[in-house]
Amino acid sequence: MTRDERLEHIWSIISGRPALDAVELMNVGINLLRVDMTRDCRFHYATTDAGGRAANVVQAKAEWLYLIRVPGMLKALALTERVDQLARGAAIARAIYSRP
Protein backbone atom coordinates (compact mmCIF):
# COMPACT_ATOMS: atom_id res chain seq x y z
CA MET A 1 0.00 0.00 0.00
CA THR A 2 1.47 3.35 -1.01
CA ARG A 3 1.56 6.38 1.27
CA ASP A 4 -1.22 8.04 -0.73
CA GLU A 5 -3.38 4.93 -0.48
CA ARG A 6 -2.81 4.81 3.29
CA LEU A 7 -3.84 8.44 3.69
CA GLU A 8 -6.87 7.92 1.48
CA HIS A 9 -7.88 4.98 3.66
CA ILE A 10 -7.34 7.02 6.82
CA TRP A 11 -9.56 9.83 5.59
CA SER A 12 -12.20 7.34 4.46
CA ILE A 13 -12.66 6.50 8.14
CA ILE A 14 -14.37 9.85 8.60
CA SER A 15 -16.44 9.62 5.42
CA GLY A 16 -19.91 10.99 6.06
CA ARG A 17 -18.83 12.64 9.31
CA PRO A 18 -17.75 16.22 9.94
CA ALA A 19 -14.56 16.07 7.91
CA LEU A 20 -13.57 19.65 8.61
CA ASP A 21 -13.28 18.76 12.30
CA ALA A 22 -10.63 16.15 11.48
CA VAL A 23 -8.73 18.68 9.40
CA GLU A 24 -8.85 21.15 12.28
CA LEU A 25 -7.54 18.47 14.65
CA MET A 26 -4.71 17.77 12.25
CA ASN A 27 -3.87 21.46 12.02
CA VAL A 28 -3.64 21.66 15.81
CA GLY A 29 -1.25 18.70 15.71
CA ILE A 30 0.82 20.30 12.94
CA ASN A 31 1.09 23.55 14.90
CA LEU A 32 2.16 21.68 18.04
CA LEU A 33 4.70 19.72 16.00
CA ARG A 34 6.29 23.00 14.90
CA VAL A 35 7.63 23.42 18.44
CA ASP A 36 9.76 20.27 18.06
CA MET A 37 11.13 21.11 14.61
CA THR A 38 14.47 22.70 13.88
CA ARG A 39 14.53 26.22 12.42
CA ASP A 40 15.29 24.95 8.91
CA CYS A 41 12.02 22.97 8.65
CA ARG A 42 8.71 24.46 7.53
CA PHE A 43 5.09 23.39 7.14
CA HIS A 44 2.68 25.04 4.74
CA TYR A 45 -0.95 24.16 4.31
CA ALA A 46 -3.92 25.44 2.37
CA THR A 47 -7.61 24.64 2.13
CA THR A 48 -8.32 23.21 -1.31
CA ASP A 49 -11.92 22.15 -0.56
CA ALA A 50 -13.81 23.03 2.62
CA GLY A 51 -16.75 20.87 1.57
CA GLY A 52 -19.14 23.60 0.51
CA ARG A 53 -20.11 27.26 0.79
CA ALA A 54 -23.07 27.05 3.16
CA ALA A 55 -22.53 28.52 6.62
CA ASN A 56 -23.47 26.57 9.74
CA VAL A 57 -23.61 23.27 7.82
CA VAL A 58 -21.55 20.22 8.78
CA GLN A 59 -19.65 19.23 5.65
CA ALA A 60 -19.08 15.55 4.85
CA LYS A 61 -15.74 16.14 3.11
CA ALA A 62 -12.78 18.47 3.34
CA GLU A 63 -9.45 18.65 1.57
CA TRP A 64 -6.28 20.44 2.58
CA LEU A 65 -2.86 20.45 1.00
CA TYR A 66 0.13 20.03 3.31
CA LEU A 67 3.66 20.81 2.18
CA ILE A 68 6.82 20.01 4.13
CA ARG A 69 10.01 21.92 3.40
CA VAL A 70 13.23 20.55 4.89
CA PRO A 71 16.91 20.46 3.85
CA GLY A 72 17.48 16.77 3.27
CA MET A 73 15.69 13.58 2.41
CA LEU A 74 16.15 11.89 5.80
CA LYS A 75 14.54 14.80 7.64
CA ALA A 76 11.78 14.93 5.02
CA LEU A 77 10.97 11.24 5.45
CA ALA A 78 10.99 11.49 9.25
CA LEU A 79 8.74 14.56 9.25
CA THR A 80 6.42 12.99 6.66
CA GLU A 81 5.98 9.96 8.92
CA ARG A 82 5.03 12.22 11.83
CA VAL A 83 2.52 14.07 9.65
CA ASP A 84 1.05 10.71 8.54
CA GLN A 85 0.67 9.79 12.22
CA LEU A 86 -1.12 13.09 12.87
CA ALA A 87 -3.52 12.36 10.00
CA ARG A 88 -4.27 8.90 11.38
CA GLY A 89 -4.80 10.30 14.87
CA ALA A 90 -7.11 13.07 13.67
CA ALA A 91 -9.19 10.64 11.61
CA ILE A 92 -9.46 8.18 14.49
CA ALA A 93 -10.30 10.90 17.01
CA ARG A 94 -13.01 12.30 14.76
CA ALA A 95 -14.45 8.84 14.11
CA ILE A 96 -14.55 8.03 17.84
CA TYR A 97 -16.15 11.30 18.92
CA SER A 98 -18.79 11.30 16.21
CA ARG A 99 -20.27 7.93 17.11
CA PRO A 100 -23.87 8.02 18.35
PDB file of N, CA and C in Angstrom:
ATOM      1  N   MET A   1       0.847  -1.174   0.000  1.00  0.00           N
ATOM      2  CA  MET A   1       0.000   0.000   0.000  1.00  0.00           C
ATOM      3  C   MET A   1       0.894   1.240   0.000  1.00  0.00           C
ATOM      4  N   THR A   2       0.654   2.136  -0.918  1.00  0.00           N
ATOM      5  CA  THR A   2       1.466   3.352  -1.006  1.00  0.00           C
ATOM      6  C   THR A   2       1.039   4.342   0.079  1.00  0.00           C
ATOM      7  N   ARG A   3       1.867   5.354   0.274  1.00  0.00           N
ATOM      8  CA  ARG A   3       1.564   6.384   1.274  1.00  0.00           C
ATOM      9  C   ARG A   3       0.243   7.072   0.942  1.00  0.00           C
ATOM     10  N   ASP A   4       0.021   7.385  -0.331  1.00  0.00           N
ATOM     11  CA  ASP A   4      -1.223   8.042  -0.727  1.00  0.00           C
ATOM     12  C   ASP A   4      -2.433   7.152  -0.478  1.00  0.00           C
ATOM     13  N   GLU A   5      -2.282   5.862  -0.735  1.00  0.00           N
ATOM     14  CA  GLU A   5      -3.376   4.925  -0.482  1.00  0.00           C
ATOM     15  C   GLU A   5      -3.671   4.828   1.013  1.00  0.00           C
ATOM     16  N   ARG A   6      -2.605   4.843   1.833  1.00  0.00           N
ATOM     17  CA  ARG A   6      -2.805   4.807   3.291  1.00  0.00           C
ATOM     18  C   ARG A   6      -3.567   6.039   3.750  1.00  0.00           C
ATOM     19  N   LEU A   7      -3.159   7.210   3.268  1.00  0.00           N
ATOM     20  CA  LEU A   7      -3.836   8.436   3.686  1.00  0.00           C
ATOM     21  C   LEU A   7      -5.280   8.471   3.197  1.00  0.00           C
ATOM     22  N   GLU A   8      -5.502   7.977   1.989  1.00  0.00           N
ATOM     23  CA  GLU A   8      -6.871   7.923   1.479  1.00  0.00           C
ATOM     24  C   GLU A   8      -7.728   7.021   2.356  1.00  0.00           C
ATOM     25  N   HIS A   9      -7.163   5.892   2.771  1.00  0.00           N
ATOM     26  CA  HIS A   9      -7.881   4.976   3.664  1.00  0.00           C
ATOM     27  C   HIS A   9      -8.165   5.642   5.007  1.00  0.00           C
ATOM     28  N   ILE A  10      -7.177   6.342   5.528  1.00  0.00           N
ATOM     29  CA  ILE A  10      -7.340   7.018   6.816  1.00  0.00           C
ATOM     30  C   ILE A  10      -8.494   8.011   6.747  1.00  0.00           C
ATOM     31  N   TRP A  11      -8.495   8.829   5.692  1.00  0.00           N
ATOM     32  CA  TRP A  11      -9.555   9.833   5.591  1.00  0.00           C
ATOM     33  C   TRP A  11     -10.896   9.201   5.269  1.00  0.00           C
ATOM     34  N   SER A  12     -10.916   7.997   4.714  1.00  0.00           N
ATOM     35  CA  SER A  12     -12.198   7.339   4.456  1.00  0.00           C
ATOM     36  C   SER A  12     -12.874   6.931   5.757  1.00  0.00           C
ATOM     37  N   ILE A  13     -12.088   6.833   6.832  1.00  0.00           N
ATOM     38  CA  ILE A  13     -12.661   6.499   8.139  1.00  0.00           C
ATOM     39  C   ILE A  13     -13.697   7.536   8.543  1.00  0.00           C
ATOM     40  N   ILE A  14     -13.459   8.788   8.184  1.00  0.00           N
ATOM     41  CA  ILE A  14     -14.371   9.851   8.604  1.00  0.00           C
ATOM     42  C   ILE A  14     -15.396  10.188   7.531  1.00  0.00           C
ATOM     43  N   SER A  15     -15.486   9.364   6.497  1.00  0.00           N
ATOM     44  CA  SER A  15     -16.436   9.616   5.422  1.00  0.00           C
ATOM     45  C   SER A  15     -17.857   9.733   5.987  1.00  0.00           C
ATOM     46  N   GLY A  16     -18.551  10.791   5.593  1.00  0.00           N
ATOM     47  CA  GLY A  16     -19.913  10.991   6.055  1.00  0.00           C
ATOM     48  C   GLY A  16     -19.978  11.652   7.423  1.00  0.00           C
ATOM     49  N   ARG A  17     -18.867  11.970   8.015  1.00  0.00           N
ATOM     50  CA  ARG A  17     -18.831  12.641   9.307  1.00  0.00           C
ATOM     51  C   ARG A  17     -18.255  14.030   9.092  1.00  0.00           C
ATOM     52  N   PRO A  18     -18.301  14.870  10.090  1.00  0.00           N
ATOM     53  CA  PRO A  18     -17.753  16.222   9.936  1.00  0.00           C
ATOM     54  C   PRO A  18     -16.257  16.199   9.631  1.00  0.00           C
ATOM     55  N   ALA A  19     -15.944  16.204   8.357  1.00  0.00           N
ATOM     56  CA  ALA A  19     -14.557  16.066   7.915  1.00  0.00           C
ATOM     57  C   ALA A  19     -13.718  17.279   8.289  1.00  0.00           C
ATOM     58  N   LEU A  20     -14.321  18.442   8.285  1.00  0.00           N
ATOM     59  CA  LEU A  20     -13.566  19.648   8.610  1.00  0.00           C
ATOM     60  C   LEU A  20     -13.039  19.596  10.037  1.00  0.00           C
ATOM     61  N   ASP A  21     -13.759  18.924  10.935  1.00  0.00           N
ATOM     62  CA  ASP A  21     -13.279  18.758  12.304  1.00  0.00           C
ATOM     63  C   ASP A  21     -11.964  17.984  12.334  1.00  0.00           C
ATOM     64  N   ALA A  22     -11.864  16.937  11.529  1.00  0.00           N
ATOM     65  CA  ALA A  22     -10.628  16.149  11.482  1.00  0.00           C
ATOM     66  C   ALA A  22      -9.477  16.987  10.937  1.00  0.00           C
ATOM     67  N   VAL A  23      -9.767  17.810   9.943  1.00  0.00           N
ATOM     68  CA  VAL A  23      -8.728  18.682   9.398  1.00  0.00           C
ATOM     69  C   VAL A  23      -8.268  19.671  10.463  1.00  0.00           C
ATOM     70  N   GLU A  24      -9.205  20.215  11.212  1.00  0.00           N
ATOM     71  CA  GLU A  24      -8.845  21.153  12.279  1.00  0.00           C
ATOM     72  C   GLU A  24      -7.998  20.459  13.346  1.00  0.00           C
ATOM     73  N   LEU A  25      -8.356  19.229  13.695  1.00  0.00           N
ATOM     74  CA  LEU A  25      -7.544  18.473  14.649  1.00  0.00           C
ATOM     75  C   LEU A  25      -6.127  18.267  14.121  1.00  0.00           C
ATOM     76  N   MET A  26      -6.026  17.961  12.841  1.00  0.00           N
ATOM     77  CA  MET A  26      -4.708  17.769  12.254  1.00  0.00           C
ATOM     78  C   MET A  26      -3.911  19.072  12.269  1.00  0.00           C
ATOM     79  N   ASN A  27      -4.564  20.183  11.992  1.00  0.00           N
ATOM     80  CA  ASN A  27      -3.866  21.464  12.022  1.00  0.00           C
ATOM     81  C   ASN A  27      -3.345  21.795  13.417  1.00  0.00           C
ATOM     82  N   VAL A  28      -4.116  21.462  14.436  1.00  0.00           N
ATOM     83  CA  VAL A  28      -3.639  21.657  15.810  1.00  0.00           C
ATOM     84  C   VAL A  28      -2.386  20.821  16.028  1.00  0.00           C
ATOM     85  N   GLY A  29      -2.421  19.566  15.587  1.00  0.00           N
ATOM     86  CA  GLY A  29      -1.248  18.699  15.712  1.00  0.00           C
ATOM     87  C   GLY A  29      -0.045  19.233  14.961  1.00  0.00           C
ATOM     88  N   ILE A  30      -0.268  19.726  13.750  1.00  0.00           N
ATOM     89  CA  ILE A  30       0.820  20.304  12.944  1.00  0.00           C
ATOM     90  C   ILE A  30       1.425  21.495  13.675  1.00  0.00           C
ATOM     91  N   ASN A  31       0.577  22.366  14.209  1.00  0.00           N
ATOM     92  CA  ASN A  31       1.086  23.548  14.897  1.00  0.00           C
ATOM     93  C   ASN A  31       1.844  23.177  16.171  1.00  0.00           C
ATOM     94  N   LEU A  32       1.415  22.141  16.864  1.00  0.00           N
ATOM     95  CA  LEU A  32       2.157  21.684  18.036  1.00  0.00           C
ATOM     96  C   LEU A  32       3.474  21.025  17.633  1.00  0.00           C
ATOM     97  N   LEU A  33       3.479  20.352  16.495  1.00  0.00           N
ATOM     98  CA  LEU A  33       4.700  19.716  16.001  1.00  0.00           C
ATOM     99  C   LEU A  33       5.761  20.754  15.636  1.00  0.00           C
ATOM    100  N   ARG A  34       5.347  21.934  15.249  1.00  0.00           N
ATOM    101  CA  ARG A  34       6.293  22.998  14.896  1.00  0.00           C
ATOM    102  C   ARG A  34       7.266  23.294  16.049  1.00  0.00           C
ATOM    103  N   VAL A  35       6.797  23.137  17.272  1.00  0.00           N
ATOM    104  CA  VAL A  35       7.626  23.420  18.443  1.00  0.00           C
ATOM    105  C   VAL A  35       8.844  22.499  18.482  1.00  0.00           C
ATOM    106  N   ASP A  36       8.688  21.259  18.017  1.00  0.00           N
ATOM    107  CA  ASP A  36       9.759  20.265  18.064  1.00  0.00           C
ATOM    108  C   ASP A  36      10.667  20.287  16.843  1.00  0.00           C
ATOM    109  N   MET A  37      10.346  21.098  15.845  1.00  0.00           N
ATOM    110  CA  MET A  37      11.129  21.108  14.613  1.00  0.00           C
ATOM    111  C   MET A  37      12.319  22.049  14.740  1.00  0.00           C
ATOM    112  N   THR A  38      13.338  21.781  13.947  1.00  0.00           N
ATOM    113  CA  THR A  38      14.468  22.699  13.882  1.00  0.00           C
ATOM    114  C   THR A  38      14.084  23.901  13.024  1.00  0.00           C
ATOM    115  N   ARG A  39      14.872  24.971  13.110  1.00  0.00           N
ATOM    116  CA  ARG A  39      14.534  26.216  12.420  1.00  0.00           C
ATOM    117  C   ARG A  39      14.555  26.110  10.900  1.00  0.00           C
ATOM    118  N   ASP A  40      15.197  25.084  10.364  1.00  0.00           N
ATOM    119  CA  ASP A  40      15.288  24.948   8.910  1.00  0.00           C
ATOM    120  C   ASP A  40      14.137  24.146   8.305  1.00  0.00           C
ATOM    121  N   CYS A  41      13.173  23.732   9.126  1.00  0.00           N
ATOM    122  CA  CYS A  41      12.018  22.967   8.650  1.00  0.00           C
ATOM    123  C   CYS A  41      10.782  23.865   8.641  1.00  0.00           C
ATOM    124  N   ARG A  42       9.926  23.651   7.648  1.00  0.00           N
ATOM    125  CA  ARG A  42       8.715  24.458   7.529  1.00  0.00           C
ATOM    126  C   ARG A  42       7.532  23.583   7.111  1.00  0.00           C
ATOM    127  N   PHE A  43       6.354  23.964   7.590  1.00  0.00           N
ATOM    128  CA  PHE A  43       5.086  23.391   7.136  1.00  0.00           C
ATOM    129  C   PHE A  43       4.303  24.491   6.453  1.00  0.00           C
ATOM    130  N   HIS A  44       3.613  24.132   5.401  1.00  0.00           N
ATOM    131  CA  HIS A  44       2.684  25.044   4.739  1.00  0.00           C
ATOM    132  C   HIS A  44       1.418  24.241   4.470  1.00  0.00           C
ATOM    133  N   TYR A  45       0.285  24.849   4.670  1.00  0.00           N
ATOM    134  CA  TYR A  45      -0.946  24.156   4.313  1.00  0.00           C
ATOM    135  C   TYR A  45      -1.982  25.140   3.802  1.00  0.00           C
ATOM    136  N   ALA A  46      -2.882  24.609   2.974  1.00  0.00           N
ATOM    137  CA  ALA A  46      -3.920  25.439   2.368  1.00  0.00           C
ATOM    138  C   ALA A  46      -5.191  24.624   2.226  1.00  0.00           C
ATOM    139  N   THR A  47      -6.320  25.282   2.359  1.00  0.00           N
ATOM    140  CA  THR A  47      -7.608  24.641   2.128  1.00  0.00           C
ATOM    141  C   THR A  47      -7.838  24.562   0.629  1.00  0.00           C
ATOM    142  N   THR A  48      -8.019  23.367   0.112  1.00  0.00           N
ATOM    143  CA  THR A  48      -8.324  23.214  -1.309  1.00  0.00           C
ATOM    144  C   THR A  48      -9.801  22.922  -1.524  1.00  0.00           C
ATOM    145  N   ASP A  49     -10.485  22.398  -0.489  1.00  0.00           N
ATOM    146  CA  ASP A  49     -11.925  22.147  -0.564  1.00  0.00           C
ATOM    147  C   ASP A  49     -12.463  22.049   0.859  1.00  0.00           C
ATOM    148  N   ALA A  50     -13.243  23.030   1.267  1.00  0.00           N
ATOM    149  CA  ALA A  50     -13.812  23.032   2.616  1.00  0.00           C
ATOM    150  C   ALA A  50     -15.139  22.280   2.673  1.00  0.00           C
ATOM    151  N   GLY A  51     -15.545  21.683   1.575  1.00  0.00           N
ATOM    152  CA  GLY A  51     -16.746  20.867   1.566  1.00  0.00           C
ATOM    153  C   GLY A  51     -17.995  21.561   1.086  1.00  0.00           C
ATOM    154  N   GLY A  52     -17.964  22.866   0.983  1.00  0.00           N
ATOM    155  CA  GLY A  52     -19.139  23.600   0.511  1.00  0.00           C
ATOM    156  C   GLY A  52     -19.078  25.049   0.933  1.00  0.00           C
ATOM    157  N   ARG A  53     -20.080  25.816   0.519  1.00  0.00           N
ATOM    158  CA  ARG A  53     -20.115  27.257   0.793  1.00  0.00           C
ATOM    159  C   ARG A  53     -21.132  27.636   1.860  1.00  0.00           C
ATOM    160  N   ALA A  54     -22.003  26.725   2.222  1.00  0.00           N
ATOM    161  CA  ALA A  54     -23.066  27.053   3.163  1.00  0.00           C
ATOM    162  C   ALA A  54     -22.505  27.224   4.574  1.00  0.00           C
ATOM    163  N   ALA A  55     -22.950  28.286   5.234  1.00  0.00           N
ATOM    164  CA  ALA A  55     -22.530  28.521   6.615  1.00  0.00           C
ATOM    165  C   ALA A  55     -23.366  27.660   7.562  1.00  0.00           C
ATOM    166  N   ASN A  56     -22.785  27.313   8.689  1.00  0.00           N
ATOM    167  CA  ASN A  56     -23.469  26.568   9.739  1.00  0.00           C
ATOM    168  C   ASN A  56     -23.992  25.212   9.258  1.00  0.00           C
ATOM    169  N   VAL A  57     -23.266  24.591   8.329  1.00  0.00           N
ATOM    170  CA  VAL A  57     -23.610  23.269   7.822  1.00  0.00           C
ATOM    171  C   VAL A  57     -22.397  22.366   8.027  1.00  0.00           C
ATOM    172  N   VAL A  58     -22.634  21.181   8.576  1.00  0.00           N
ATOM    173  CA  VAL A  58     -21.548  20.224   8.783  1.00  0.00           C
ATOM    174  C   VAL A  58     -21.242  19.556   7.453  1.00  0.00           C
ATOM    175  N   GLN A  59     -20.037  19.773   6.954  1.00  0.00           N
ATOM    176  CA  GLN A  59     -19.652  19.225   5.654  1.00  0.00           C
ATOM    177  C   GLN A  59     -19.149  17.786   5.795  1.00  0.00           C
ATOM    178  N   ALA A  60     -19.465  16.956   4.817  1.00  0.00           N
ATOM    179  CA  ALA A  60     -19.075  15.550   4.850  1.00  0.00           C
ATOM    180  C   ALA A  60     -17.683  15.313   4.291  1.00  0.00           C
ATOM    181  N   LYS A  61     -17.090  16.316   3.645  1.00  0.00           N
ATOM    182  CA  LYS A  61     -15.743  16.139   3.114  1.00  0.00           C
ATOM    183  C   LYS A  61     -14.977  17.446   3.248  1.00  0.00           C
ATOM    184  N   ALA A  62     -13.668  17.309   3.292  1.00  0.00           N
ATOM    185  CA  ALA A  62     -12.785  18.469   3.345  1.00  0.00           C
ATOM    186  C   ALA A  62     -11.441  18.038   2.775  1.00  0.00           C
ATOM    187  N   GLU A  63     -10.743  18.980   2.166  1.00  0.00           N
ATOM    188  CA  GLU A  63      -9.447  18.647   1.574  1.00  0.00           C
ATOM    189  C   GLU A  63      -8.485  19.799   1.816  1.00  0.00           C
ATOM    190  N   TRP A  64      -7.339  19.461   2.351  1.00  0.00           N
ATOM    191  CA  TRP A  64      -6.284  20.438   2.580  1.00  0.00           C
ATOM    192  C   TRP A  64      -5.009  19.908   1.976  1.00  0.00           C
ATOM    193  N   LEU A  65      -4.158  20.808   1.557  1.00  0.00           N
ATOM    194  CA  LEU A  65      -2.859  20.452   0.996  1.00  0.00           C
ATOM    195  C   LEU A  65      -1.794  20.796   2.034  1.00  0.00           C
ATOM    196  N   TYR A  66      -0.966  19.824   2.363  1.00  0.00           N
ATOM    197  CA  TYR A  66       0.125  20.026   3.311  1.00  0.00           C
ATOM    198  C   TYR A  66       1.450  19.891   2.572  1.00  0.00           C
ATOM    199  N   LEU A  67       2.327  20.845   2.778  1.00  0.00           N
ATOM    200  CA  LEU A  67       3.659  20.811   2.183  1.00  0.00           C
ATOM    201  C   LEU A  67       4.693  20.853   3.310  1.00  0.00           C
ATOM    202  N   ILE A  68       5.729  20.054   3.156  1.00  0.00           N
ATOM    203  CA  ILE A  68       6.820  20.009   4.131  1.00  0.00           C
ATOM    204  C   ILE A  68       8.079  20.462   3.415  1.00  0.00           C
ATOM    205  N   ARG A  69       8.770  21.421   4.006  1.00  0.00           N
ATOM    206  CA  ARG A  69      10.007  21.922   3.405  1.00  0.00           C
ATOM    207  C   ARG A  69      11.138  21.705   4.412  1.00  0.00           C
ATOM    208  N   VAL A  70      12.083  20.850   4.035  1.00  0.00           N
ATOM    209  CA  VAL A  70      13.234  20.549   4.891  1.00  0.00           C
ATOM    210  C   VAL A  70      14.488  20.385   4.034  1.00  0.00           C
ATOM    211  N   PRO A  71      15.667  20.609   4.620  1.00  0.00           N
ATOM    212  CA  PRO A  71      16.907  20.465   3.850  1.00  0.00           C
ATOM    213  C   PRO A  71      17.479  19.058   3.962  1.00  0.00           C
ATOM    214  N   GLY A  72      16.926  18.124   3.245  1.00  0.00           N
ATOM    215  CA  GLY A  72      17.484  16.774   3.270  1.00  0.00           C
ATOM    216  C   GLY A  72      16.404  15.712   3.275  1.00  0.00           C
ATOM    217  N   MET A  73      16.674  14.637   2.568  1.00  0.00           N
ATOM    218  CA  MET A  73      15.687  13.578   2.406  1.00  0.00           C
ATOM    219  C   MET A  73      15.386  12.850   3.714  1.00  0.00           C
ATOM    220  N   LEU A  74      16.395  12.608   4.554  1.00  0.00           N
ATOM    221  CA  LEU A  74      16.149  11.888   5.804  1.00  0.00           C
ATOM    222  C   LEU A  74      15.206  12.670   6.722  1.00  0.00           C
ATOM    223  N   LYS A  75      15.439  13.973   6.837  1.00  0.00           N
ATOM    224  CA  LYS A  75      14.542  14.802   7.639  1.00  0.00           C
ATOM    225  C   LYS A  75      13.148  14.828   7.023  1.00  0.00           C
ATOM    226  N   ALA A  76      13.078  14.897   5.711  1.00  0.00           N
ATOM    227  CA  ALA A  76      11.782  14.929   5.020  1.00  0.00           C
ATOM    228  C   ALA A  76      10.991  13.653   5.290  1.00  0.00           C
ATOM    229  N   LEU A  77      11.656  12.516   5.205  1.00  0.00           N
ATOM    230  CA  LEU A  77      10.970  11.243   5.450  1.00  0.00           C
ATOM    231  C   LEU A  77      10.511  11.135   6.899  1.00  0.00           C
ATOM    232  N   ALA A  78      11.350  11.559   7.836  1.00  0.00           N
ATOM    233  CA  ALA A  78      10.994  11.492   9.253  1.00  0.00           C
ATOM    234  C   ALA A  78       9.804  12.404   9.554  1.00  0.00           C
ATOM    235  N   LEU A  79       9.828  13.611   9.007  1.00  0.00           N
ATOM    236  CA  LEU A  79       8.744  14.556   9.246  1.00  0.00           C
ATOM    237  C   LEU A  79       7.454  14.102   8.552  1.00  0.00           C
ATOM    238  N   THR A  80       7.587  13.517   7.372  1.00  0.00           N
ATOM    239  CA  THR A  80       6.417  12.991   6.656  1.00  0.00           C
ATOM    240  C   THR A  80       5.752  11.892   7.469  1.00  0.00           C
ATOM    241  N   GLU A  81       6.537  11.030   8.077  1.00  0.00           N
ATOM    242  CA  GLU A  81       5.977   9.960   8.919  1.00  0.00           C
ATOM    243  C   GLU A  81       5.205  10.546  10.098  1.00  0.00           C
ATOM    244  N   ARG A  82       5.733  11.601  10.700  1.00  0.00           N
ATOM    245  CA  ARG A  82       5.030  12.224  11.833  1.00  0.00           C
ATOM    246  C   ARG A  82       3.732  12.868  11.373  1.00  0.00           C
ATOM    247  N   VAL A  83       3.742  13.477  10.189  1.00  0.00           N
ATOM    248  CA  VAL A  83       2.517  14.070   9.647  1.00  0.00           C
ATOM    249  C   VAL A  83       1.498  12.974   9.328  1.00  0.00           C
ATOM    250  N   ASP A  84       1.948  11.851   8.791  1.00  0.00           N
ATOM    251  CA  ASP A  84       1.050  10.714   8.540  1.00  0.00           C
ATOM    252  C   ASP A  84       0.411  10.247   9.848  1.00  0.00           C
ATOM    253  N   GLN A  85       1.195  10.200  10.915  1.00  0.00           N
ATOM    254  CA  GLN A  85       0.668   9.791  12.220  1.00  0.00           C
ATOM    255  C   GLN A  85      -0.376  10.786  12.725  1.00  0.00           C
ATOM    256  N   LEU A  86      -0.127  12.078  12.497  1.00  0.00           N
ATOM    257  CA  LEU A  86      -1.117  13.092  12.871  1.00  0.00           C
ATOM    258  C   LEU A  86      -2.418  12.894  12.101  1.00  0.00           C
ATOM    259  N   ALA A  87      -2.315  12.584  10.813  1.00  0.00           N
ATOM    260  CA  ALA A  87      -3.516  12.359   9.996  1.00  0.00           C
ATOM    261  C   ALA A  87      -4.298  11.162  10.513  1.00  0.00           C
ATOM    262  N   ARG A  88      -3.603  10.084  10.829  1.00  0.00           N
ATOM    263  CA  ARG A  88      -4.274   8.900  11.378  1.00  0.00           C
ATOM    264  C   ARG A  88      -4.954   9.240  12.705  1.00  0.00           C
ATOM    265  N   GLY A  89      -4.236   9.943  13.571  1.00  0.00           N
ATOM    266  CA  GLY A  89      -4.800  10.299  14.874  1.00  0.00           C
ATOM    267  C   GLY A  89      -6.020  11.189  14.755  1.00  0.00           C
ATOM    268  N   ALA A  90      -5.973  12.168  13.861  1.00  0.00           N
ATOM    269  CA  ALA A  90      -7.108  13.068  13.667  1.00  0.00           C
ATOM    270  C   ALA A  90      -8.320  12.312  13.130  1.00  0.00           C
ATOM    271  N   ALA A  91      -8.088  11.417  12.183  1.00  0.00           N
ATOM    272  CA  ALA A  91      -9.186  10.636  11.610  1.00  0.00           C
ATOM    273  C   ALA A  91      -9.799   9.715  12.661  1.00  0.00           C
ATOM    274  N   ILE A  92      -8.965   9.080  13.442  1.00  0.00           N
ATOM    275  CA  ILE A  92      -9.459   8.176  14.486  1.00  0.00           C
ATOM    276  C   ILE A  92     -10.212   8.961  15.557  1.00  0.00           C
ATOM    277  N   ALA A  93      -9.636  10.092  15.990  1.00  0.00           N
ATOM    278  CA  ALA A  93     -10.301  10.900  17.011  1.00  0.00           C
ATOM    279  C   ALA A  93     -11.660  11.380  16.530  1.00  0.00           C
ATOM    280  N   ARG A  94     -11.742  11.815  15.285  1.00  0.00           N
ATOM    281  CA  ARG A  94     -13.010  12.297  14.756  1.00  0.00           C
ATOM    282  C   ARG A  94     -14.018  11.169  14.637  1.00  0.00           C
ATOM    283  N   ALA A  95     -13.554   9.989  14.238  1.00  0.00           N
ATOM    284  CA  ALA A  95     -14.450   8.839  14.109  1.00  0.00           C
ATOM    285  C   ALA A  95     -14.986   8.424  15.479  1.00  0.00           C
ATOM    286  N   ILE A  96     -14.135   8.444  16.483  1.00  0.00           N
ATOM    287  CA  ILE A  96     -14.547   8.035  17.837  1.00  0.00           C
ATOM    288  C   ILE A  96     -15.567   9.015  18.410  1.00  0.00           C
ATOM    289  N   TYR A  97     -15.287  10.314  18.280  1.00  0.00           N
ATOM    290  CA  TYR A  97     -16.152  11.297  18.921  1.00  0.00           C
ATOM    291  C   TYR A  97     -17.417  11.583  18.156  1.00  0.00           C
ATOM    292  N   SER A  98     -17.560  11.050  16.954  1.00  0.00           N
ATOM    293  CA  SER A  98     -18.793  11.298  16.205  1.00  0.00           C
ATOM    294  C   SER A  98     -19.734  10.107  16.257  1.00  0.00           C
ATOM    295  N   ARG A  99     -19.376   9.080  17.003  1.00  0.00           N
ATOM    296  CA  ARG A  99     -20.265   7.925  17.114  1.00  0.00           C
ATOM    297  C   ARG A  99     -21.490   8.295  17.950  1.00  0.00           C
ATOM    298  N   PRO A 100     -22.643   7.723  17.582  1.00  0.00           N
ATOM    299  CA  PRO A 100     -23.872   8.021  18.348  1.00  0.00           C
ATOM    300  C   PRO A 100     -23.828   7.412  19.725  1.00  0.00           C
TER     301      PRO A 100
END
